[in-house]
Amino acid sequence: MKVITLIVLSITILISQLVAADQWPLVVTAEPEWSIEYTDDGVHFFTLTRPEGENVLLMFSKWPASGGKEQIPGLIKRMADGFLDKEKNKVMSFIFKNEYEVEKLEGDEFSGEAAIFKGRFELFQTMFMVSDGDGIWNGQFSGSETMWVEAKIILENLRRPAKSLPTLSD
């Protein structure tokens, strides 16, 4: 009886996640080890973690201003330079080297750039922006360089949900 209850509960949770994911503004796909959460309290916000193993956080939200891919390089540069500004952020300037690398993110639908910061104590941080030409999504990743490879794949595979076709009753 307990096994049947667990199976029913698992199927119910899976179905509720699929129904909820069907209403998200983006299709976010990740390996099963990743946990995906979405909230919409006036801001579309995604949080991805790995509950088991390494402490990893990938989060991104819809940029409130309008914009597209052509604006991303300038925005990333300003954000990254601000992150390293020693006068404004003494703790970050101690932890992270006073430099960053810019890396391209190239997906089928979404592309953009990430500023990569490598710090003391094997810290690895990125800030990124991606767009499909219809608005910008920006976020951060914290974790290891190895896990950034997986996070990049998630970002490069973002896509818009398929628009449903009208039915005869519409």
Foldseek 3Di string as FASTA:
>chain_A
DVVVVVVVVVVVVVVVVVVVCLPAQKNFDADPQKDWDFDPPVKTKIWIARPDDWGKIWIKTFDPDWDAQVCQVVVQVVVLQVQCPCVVDVPSVQFWPSAWDKDWQAAPQKIWIKTWTAGPPQKIKIWIWIHNGTGIMIIMMTTHPVVVVRVSVRRRPMDGNDDDDDDPVD
